[in-house]
Amino acid sequence: MFAYLTRRLLTMIPMFFLMTAVYFAVQNYLPGGPVQEVLARIQFGGGEGGGKTMSVDDISKLKAELEHQYGLDKPVPVRYWNWLKKITVLDFGDSTATREPAIKTIAERVPISIGFGVPGFFLTYIVCIFLGMIKALKDGSKLDVSSSVVLFIAYSIPALVVSVVLLLVFCTDRILPGGAWFPLGGARSDDWDTLSFAQKVVDYSKHMFLPVASSLLGGFTFLTMLMKNSLLDVLSSDFIRTARAKGLSEKSVIMKHALRNAILPLMVGIGGFLSAFVAGSIVIESVFGLPGMGRLMIEALNSRDYNVLMGVAVIQSGVVMFGQLLSDIAYVMVDPRIDFSGRG
């Protein structure tokens, strides 16, 4: 296993180069850019020029100066190589929108996305495994049918609608008795600095409860049905019939033999689900007013803030690769018989 993990870590290096190179090339060929943004602000009154009319020669000269300032006067491969050298010391450059270091801008947003993304990730797996197991054991019952109907109805409702409904029901004074149960939006209250540690935990939990609930619906139905079908398939296997024939209790057959094998298909998607949760949700963050990674990515894309975009790309690439590695480790933890050594 150690040798396999070492090989995987080594293969992550070229994978990282490939993923970031694609991001870098695509964003450099998108229309617009930081130079065009600055020129537009200057010409239309939002920048240093105060909206003054500029001649064609002045615009060309200023454009050349800005391209040199942002390093855009060099070929894309050269710019990518220079960018790689900088990120080895975590220097992502300055945000062209805020003029602050891009790493600082990103660091302020990461905890927000992780705050509702990671709990949502773990709760999704825990609840789906438990519910899928119950549905498999009660296959065809009223509980199985009714829960399937509820799951598929919830799955068919867009995250935007779910978020807005939760916001209207639990964050307004018109529906529930006693007024709003949760804050209307944001990640923390205005008096955050005056709260004690315990009060901060409660306040943060209240702000994150509804976003977490909204994020659960994304892969909830898929994982639950995957767990159910996987367990049903395992329960019909020969080794399960053999275990029952030996006189093992039904609880022992399910928990020690069937469950461990049935859970393996769920491990495959850990990388994708983890990256989706950690990277943030544009819809959920926008509805609940959370300044997370999803909104940052849209803001940076709209303003063509290349340095921030590449910083977000690095984080997303790292999370995806870490998730894939975590998936392999989870495979071995669930079923030690799996061997990645390549010896057969």
Protein backbone atom coordinates (compact mmCIF):
# COMPACT_ATOMS: atom_id res chain seq x y z
CA MET A 1 0.00 0.00 0.00
CA PHE A 2 2.83 2.41 0.84
CA ALA A 3 4.46 1.80 -2.54
CA TYR A 4 1.14 2.41 -4.27
CA LEU A 5 0.55 5.67 -2.41
CA THR A 6 4.05 6.80 -3.31
CA ARG A 7 3.37 6.11 -7.00
CA ARG A 8 0.06 7.93 -6.81
CA LEU A 9 1.68 10.97 -5.21
CA LEU A 10 4.30 11.02 -7.94
CA THR A 11 1.68 10.78 -10.69
CA MET A 12 -0.14 13.73 -9.14
CA ILE A 13 2.71 16.01 -10.18
CA PRO A 14 2.21 15.73 -13.98
CA MET A 15 -1.57 15.63 -13.41
CA PHE A 16 -1.35 18.93 -11.56
CA PHE A 17 0.71 20.47 -14.38
CA LEU A 18 -1.79 19.27 -16.96
CA MET A 19 -4.87 20.50 -15.09
CA THR A 20 -3.46 23.93 -14.29
CA ALA A 21 -2.00 24.32 -17.81
CA VAL A 22 -5.46 23.75 -19.30
CA TYR A 23 -6.99 26.28 -16.90
CA PHE A 24 -4.23 28.78 -17.70
CA ALA A 25 -4.52 28.38 -21.47
CA VAL A 26 -8.32 28.58 -21.52
CA GLN A 27 -8.55 31.71 -19.40
CA ASN A 28 -5.88 33.46 -21.49
CA TYR A 29 -7.88 32.89 -24.65
CA LEU A 30 -11.19 34.06 -23.20
CA PRO A 31 -12.48 37.40 -24.52
CA GLY A 32 -11.73 40.38 -22.32
CA GLY A 33 -9.14 40.42 -19.57
CA PRO A 34 -7.67 42.63 -16.84
CA VAL A 35 -6.26 45.09 -19.40
CA GLN A 36 -9.64 45.58 -21.04
CA GLU A 37 -11.27 45.95 -17.61
CA VAL A 38 -8.85 48.71 -16.61
CA LEU A 39 -9.23 50.49 -19.95
CA ALA A 40 -13.00 50.36 -19.64
CA ARG A 41 -12.91 51.82 -16.14
CA ILE A 42 -10.63 54.63 -17.30
CA GLN A 43 -12.68 55.49 -20.39
CA PHE A 44 -16.07 55.35 -18.70
CA GLY A 45 -15.25 57.17 -15.49
CA GLY A 46 -14.49 54.28 -13.12
CA GLY A 47 -10.73 54.49 -13.03
CA GLU A 48 -7.67 56.66 -12.92
CA GLY A 49 -8.54 58.64 -16.04
CA GLY A 50 -11.75 60.02 -14.56
CA GLY A 51 -13.73 59.34 -17.73
CA LYS A 52 -11.61 61.60 -19.94
CA THR A 53 -11.67 61.07 -23.68
CA MET A 54 -8.43 59.45 -24.85
CA SER A 55 -6.96 59.37 -28.33
CA VAL A 56 -6.27 56.13 -30.14
CA ASP A 57 -2.52 56.56 -29.62
CA ASP A 58 -2.98 57.16 -25.88
CA ILE A 59 -5.14 54.06 -25.59
CA SER A 60 -2.61 51.94 -27.50
CA LYS A 61 0.25 53.23 -25.35
CA LEU A 62 -1.66 52.63 -22.12
CA LYS A 63 -2.68 49.17 -23.30
CA ALA A 64 0.94 48.25 -23.99
CA GLU A 65 1.97 49.53 -20.54
CA LEU A 66 -0.78 47.53 -18.84
CA GLU A 67 0.08 44.36 -20.77
CA HIS A 68 3.70 44.75 -19.66
CA GLN A 69 2.59 45.41 -16.07
CA TYR A 70 0.45 42.28 -15.96
CA GLY A 71 3.00 40.23 -17.91
CA LEU A 72 0.57 39.71 -20.80
CA ASP A 73 3.09 40.79 -23.41
CA LYS A 74 4.80 37.41 -23.21
CA PRO A 75 3.75 34.13 -24.87
CA VAL A 76 1.36 31.90 -22.89
CA PRO A 77 3.96 29.14 -22.21
CA VAL A 78 6.38 31.72 -20.80
CA ARG A 79 3.65 33.23 -18.61
CA TYR A 80 2.67 29.78 -17.38
CA TRP A 81 6.28 28.96 -16.49
CA ASN A 82 6.63 32.24 -14.61
CA TRP A 83 3.37 31.51 -12.80
CA LEU A 84 4.61 28.06 -11.79
CA LYS A 85 7.78 29.52 -10.29
CA LYS A 86 5.74 31.95 -8.22
CA ILE A 87 3.25 29.46 -6.78
CA THR A 88 6.09 27.35 -5.34
CA VAL A 89 6.26 30.09 -2.68
CA LEU A 90 2.45 30.54 -2.67
CA ASP A 91 2.68 33.78 -4.62
CA PHE A 92 -0.42 33.94 -6.82
CA GLY A 93 0.12 37.58 -7.64
CA ASP A 94 -2.26 40.42 -6.83
CA SER A 95 -5.96 40.49 -7.54
CA THR A 96 -6.64 42.91 -10.38
CA ALA A 97 -10.01 43.73 -8.81
CA THR A 98 -9.04 44.43 -5.19
CA ARG A 99 -5.28 45.08 -5.69
CA GLU A 100 -4.66 42.75 -2.71
CA PRO A 101 -2.67 39.48 -2.82
CA ALA A 102 -4.80 36.82 -4.48
CA ILE A 103 -3.86 34.29 -1.80
CA LYS A 104 -5.34 36.61 0.84
CA THR A 105 -8.58 36.99 -1.11
CA ILE A 106 -8.90 33.23 -1.49
CA ALA A 107 -7.95 32.50 2.14
CA GLU A 108 -10.82 34.68 3.31
CA ARG A 109 -13.33 32.65 1.28
CA VAL A 110 -12.11 29.08 1.84
CA PRO A 111 -13.37 28.70 5.45
CA ILE A 112 -16.88 29.73 4.38
CA SER A 113 -17.16 27.02 1.72
CA ILE A 114 -15.56 24.42 3.99
CA GLY A 115 -17.90 25.48 6.81
CA PHE A 116 -20.97 24.15 5.04
CA GLY A 117 -19.32 21.92 2.43
CA VAL A 118 -17.44 19.45 4.64
CA PRO A 119 -20.32 18.86 7.11
CA GLY A 120 -22.62 18.40 4.14
CA PHE A 121 -20.23 15.87 2.61
CA PHE A 122 -19.98 13.71 5.73
CA LEU A 123 -23.68 13.97 6.58
CA THR A 124 -24.59 12.95 3.04
CA TYR A 125 -22.52 9.77 3.24
CA ILE A 126 -23.62 8.89 6.77
CA VAL A 127 -27.33 9.37 6.13
CA CYS A 128 -27.26 7.77 2.67
CA ILE A 129 -25.46 4.65 3.88
CA PHE A 130 -27.90 4.21 6.76
CA LEU A 131 -31.02 4.97 4.69
CA GLY A 132 -29.88 2.84 1.76
CA MET A 133 -29.27 -0.08 4.12
CA ILE A 134 -32.76 0.28 5.63
CA LYS A 135 -34.35 0.46 2.17
CA ALA A 136 -32.50 -2.67 1.03
CA LEU A 137 -33.55 -4.65 4.11
CA LYS A 138 -37.15 -3.42 3.70
CA ASP A 139 -37.16 -3.76 -0.08
CA GLY A 140 -40.67 -3.48 -1.50
CA SER A 141 -42.23 -2.37 1.78
CA LYS A 142 -44.29 0.78 2.29
CA LEU A 143 -41.26 2.41 3.91
CA ASP A 144 -39.11 1.66 0.87
CA VAL A 145 -41.68 2.88 -1.65
CA SER A 146 -42.64 6.03 0.25
CA SER A 147 -39.02 7.00 0.93
CA SER A 148 -38.18 6.48 -2.76
CA VAL A 149 -41.02 8.80 -3.77
CA VAL A 150 -39.82 11.47 -1.35
CA LEU A 151 -36.20 11.08 -2.50
CA PHE A 152 -36.99 11.42 -6.19
CA ILE A 153 -39.29 14.40 -5.61
CA ALA A 154 -36.52 16.09 -3.61
CA TYR A 155 -34.00 15.18 -6.32
CA SER A 156 -36.16 16.77 -9.02
CA ILE A 157 -36.34 20.13 -7.21
CA PRO A 158 -33.49 22.48 -8.19
CA ALA A 159 -31.12 23.59 -5.44
CA LEU A 160 -32.14 27.20 -6.08
CA VAL A 161 -35.79 26.45 -5.31
CA VAL A 162 -34.92 24.45 -2.19
CA SER A 163 -32.66 27.22 -0.90
CA VAL A 164 -35.27 29.94 -1.50
CA VAL A 165 -38.05 27.90 0.15
CA LEU A 166 -35.92 27.18 3.22
CA LEU A 167 -35.00 30.85 3.39
CA LEU A 168 -38.63 31.99 3.18
CA VAL A 169 -39.92 29.43 5.69
CA PHE A 170 -37.24 29.51 8.39
CA CYS A 171 -35.77 33.00 8.05
CA THR A 172 -38.88 35.20 7.98
CA ASP A 173 -41.39 36.25 10.62
CA ARG A 174 -44.53 35.39 8.65
CA ILE A 175 -44.76 31.59 8.65
CA LEU A 176 -43.30 29.92 11.74
CA PRO A 177 -44.52 30.69 15.26
CA GLY A 178 -42.10 32.79 17.26
CA GLY A 179 -40.57 34.47 14.23
CA ALA A 180 -37.49 33.48 12.24
CA TRP A 181 -35.62 30.41 13.45
CA PHE A 182 -32.41 31.12 11.55
CA PRO A 183 -30.54 34.24 10.37
CA LEU A 184 -31.55 35.64 7.00
CA GLY A 185 -28.06 35.32 5.51
CA GLY A 186 -24.36 35.76 5.93
CA ALA A 187 -21.80 33.62 7.73
CA ARG A 188 -21.90 35.34 11.11
CA SER A 189 -23.78 37.95 13.10
CA ASP A 190 -22.80 41.61 13.28
CA ASP A 191 -21.81 41.29 16.95
CA TRP A 192 -19.49 38.34 16.26
CA ASP A 193 -16.45 39.96 17.89
CA THR A 194 -18.29 40.44 21.18
CA LEU A 195 -19.46 36.81 21.49
CA SER A 196 -17.83 34.16 23.64
CA PHE A 197 -16.43 30.99 22.07
CA ALA A 198 -19.57 28.96 22.86
CA GLN A 199 -21.78 31.73 21.50
CA LYS A 200 -19.69 31.88 18.31
CA VAL A 201 -20.17 28.14 17.80
CA VAL A 202 -23.93 28.48 18.20
CA ASP A 203 -24.07 31.55 15.96
CA TYR A 204 -21.98 29.94 13.22
CA SER A 205 -24.06 26.74 13.40
CA LYS A 206 -27.27 28.73 12.96
CA HIS A 207 -25.89 30.51 9.91
CA MET A 208 -24.66 27.26 8.33
CA PHE A 209 -27.59 24.97 9.13
CA LEU A 210 -29.78 25.85 6.14
CA PRO A 211 -26.90 25.99 3.61
CA VAL A 212 -25.82 22.51 4.79
CA ALA A 213 -29.39 21.25 4.48
CA SER A 214 -29.60 22.66 0.96
CA SER A 215 -26.29 21.11 -0.08
CA LEU A 216 -27.38 17.65 1.10
CA LEU A 217 -29.90 17.24 -1.71
CA GLY A 218 -27.30 17.32 -4.48
CA GLY A 219 -26.17 13.69 -4.32
CA PHE A 220 -28.55 12.46 -1.66
CA THR A 221 -30.91 10.43 -3.86
CA PHE A 222 -28.13 9.03 -6.04
CA LEU A 223 -26.02 7.77 -3.13
CA THR A 224 -29.02 6.34 -1.27
CA MET A 225 -30.23 4.32 -4.26
CA LEU A 226 -26.67 3.26 -5.05
CA MET A 227 -26.26 1.96 -1.51
CA LYS A 228 -29.60 0.15 -1.63
CA ASN A 229 -28.95 -1.57 -4.98
CA SER A 230 -25.40 -2.47 -4.00
CA LEU A 231 -26.53 -4.08 -0.75
CA LEU A 232 -29.32 -5.98 -2.51
CA ASP A 233 -26.79 -7.32 -5.00
CA VAL A 234 -24.42 -8.40 -2.22
CA LEU A 235 -27.20 -10.05 -0.20
CA SER A 236 -27.96 -12.30 -3.18
CA SER A 237 -24.33 -13.44 -3.46
CA ASP A 238 -23.17 -16.99 -2.79
CA PHE A 239 -20.89 -16.06 0.12
CA ILE A 240 -23.85 -14.49 1.95
CA ARG A 241 -25.89 -17.65 1.52
CA THR A 242 -22.89 -19.61 2.80
CA ALA A 243 -22.59 -17.35 5.85
CA ARG A 244 -26.27 -17.87 6.65
CA ALA A 245 -25.92 -21.61 6.15
CA LYS A 246 -23.16 -21.67 8.75
CA GLY A 247 -25.61 -20.39 11.33
CA LEU A 248 -24.42 -16.80 11.62
CA SER A 249 -26.97 -14.33 12.93
CA GLU A 250 -28.64 -12.02 10.43
CA LYS A 251 -27.05 -9.01 12.14
CA SER A 252 -23.59 -10.54 11.80
CA VAL A 253 -24.21 -11.45 8.14
CA ILE A 254 -25.28 -7.91 7.28
CA MET A 255 -22.86 -5.87 9.38
CA LYS A 256 -19.70 -7.99 9.05
CA HIS A 257 -20.05 -9.44 5.57
CA ALA A 258 -22.65 -7.70 3.39
CA LEU A 259 -22.23 -4.06 4.43
CA ARG A 260 -18.47 -3.98 3.94
CA ASN A 261 -18.80 -5.18 0.34
CA ALA A 262 -21.87 -3.10 -0.46
CA ILE A 263 -20.24 0.15 0.58
CA LEU A 264 -17.39 -0.15 -1.93
CA PRO A 265 -19.22 1.47 -4.90
CA LEU A 266 -19.84 4.57 -2.77
CA MET A 267 -16.11 5.01 -2.27
CA VAL A 268 -15.60 5.61 -6.00
CA GLY A 269 -17.28 9.00 -5.95
CA ILE A 270 -15.53 10.44 -2.91
CA GLY A 271 -13.17 12.56 -4.99
CA GLY A 272 -15.91 14.15 -7.08
CA PHE A 273 -18.28 14.74 -4.18
CA LEU A 274 -15.54 16.14 -1.97
CA SER A 275 -14.38 18.61 -4.62
CA ALA A 276 -17.96 19.69 -5.27
CA PHE A 277 -18.61 20.38 -1.59
CA VAL A 278 -15.28 22.02 -0.76
CA ALA A 279 -15.23 24.19 -3.88
CA GLY A 280 -18.50 25.71 -2.79
CA SER A 281 -21.87 26.14 -4.44
CA ILE A 282 -22.60 29.21 -6.52
CA VAL A 283 -26.37 28.85 -6.04
CA ILE A 284 -26.38 28.18 -2.29
CA GLU A 285 -23.80 30.86 -1.54
CA SER A 286 -25.71 33.42 -3.58
CA VAL A 287 -29.08 32.69 -1.95
CA PHE A 288 -27.78 32.69 1.61
CA GLY A 289 -25.33 35.53 1.10
CA LEU A 290 -22.24 33.47 1.88
CA PRO A 291 -18.95 34.88 0.55
CA GLY A 292 -17.50 31.49 -0.34
CA MET A 293 -15.42 29.99 -3.13
CA GLY A 294 -18.34 29.62 -5.53
CA ARG A 295 -19.17 33.32 -5.51
CA LEU A 296 -15.48 34.21 -5.62
CA MET A 297 -15.03 32.19 -8.79
CA ILE A 298 -17.95 33.94 -10.50
CA GLU A 299 -16.77 37.37 -9.35
CA ALA A 300 -13.24 36.66 -10.59
CA LEU A 301 -14.56 35.33 -13.90
CA ASN A 302 -16.75 38.38 -14.45
CA SER A 303 -13.86 40.77 -13.76
CA ARG A 304 -11.32 38.54 -15.57
CA ASP A 305 -9.26 38.41 -12.38
CA TYR A 306 -6.81 35.81 -13.70
CA ASN A 307 -4.66 35.55 -10.58
CA VAL A 308 -7.64 34.75 -8.35
CA LEU A 309 -9.05 32.35 -10.94
CA MET A 310 -5.78 30.43 -11.09
CA GLY A 311 -5.62 30.32 -7.29
CA VAL A 312 -9.10 28.80 -7.21
CA ALA A 313 -8.05 26.36 -9.96
CA VAL A 314 -5.07 25.22 -7.87
CA ILE A 315 -7.32 24.54 -4.89
CA GLN A 316 -9.88 22.68 -6.99
CA SER A 317 -7.19 20.59 -8.68
CA GLY A 318 -5.64 19.74 -5.32
CA VAL A 319 -8.99 18.75 -3.83
CA VAL A 320 -9.83 16.52 -6.81
CA MET A 321 -6.49 14.70 -6.61
CA PHE A 322 -6.68 14.41 -2.82
CA GLY A 323 -10.21 13.05 -3.14
CA GLN A 324 -9.07 10.37 -5.57
CA LEU A 325 -6.29 9.36 -3.20
CA LEU A 326 -8.72 9.37 -0.28
CA SER A 327 -11.03 7.13 -2.29
CA ASP A 328 -8.28 4.52 -2.72
CA ILE A 329 -7.40 4.67 0.97
CA ALA A 330 -11.08 4.27 1.88
CA TYR A 331 -11.23 1.20 -0.38
CA VAL A 332 -8.49 -0.51 1.61
CA MET A 333 -9.94 0.54 4.96
CA VAL A 334 -13.34 -0.88 4.04
CA ASP A 335 -11.97 -4.05 2.46
CA PRO A 336 -8.34 -4.96 3.37
CA ARG A 337 -8.40 -7.71 0.72
CA ILE A 338 -7.96 -5.06 -1.96
CA ASP A 339 -4.35 -4.92 -3.07
CA PHE A 340 -2.95 -1.95 -5.02
CA SER A 341 0.57 -3.30 -5.12
CA GLY A 342 0.17 -4.64 -8.65
CA ARG A 343 1.35 -8.11 -7.68
CA GLY A 344 -2.10 -9.59 -8.36
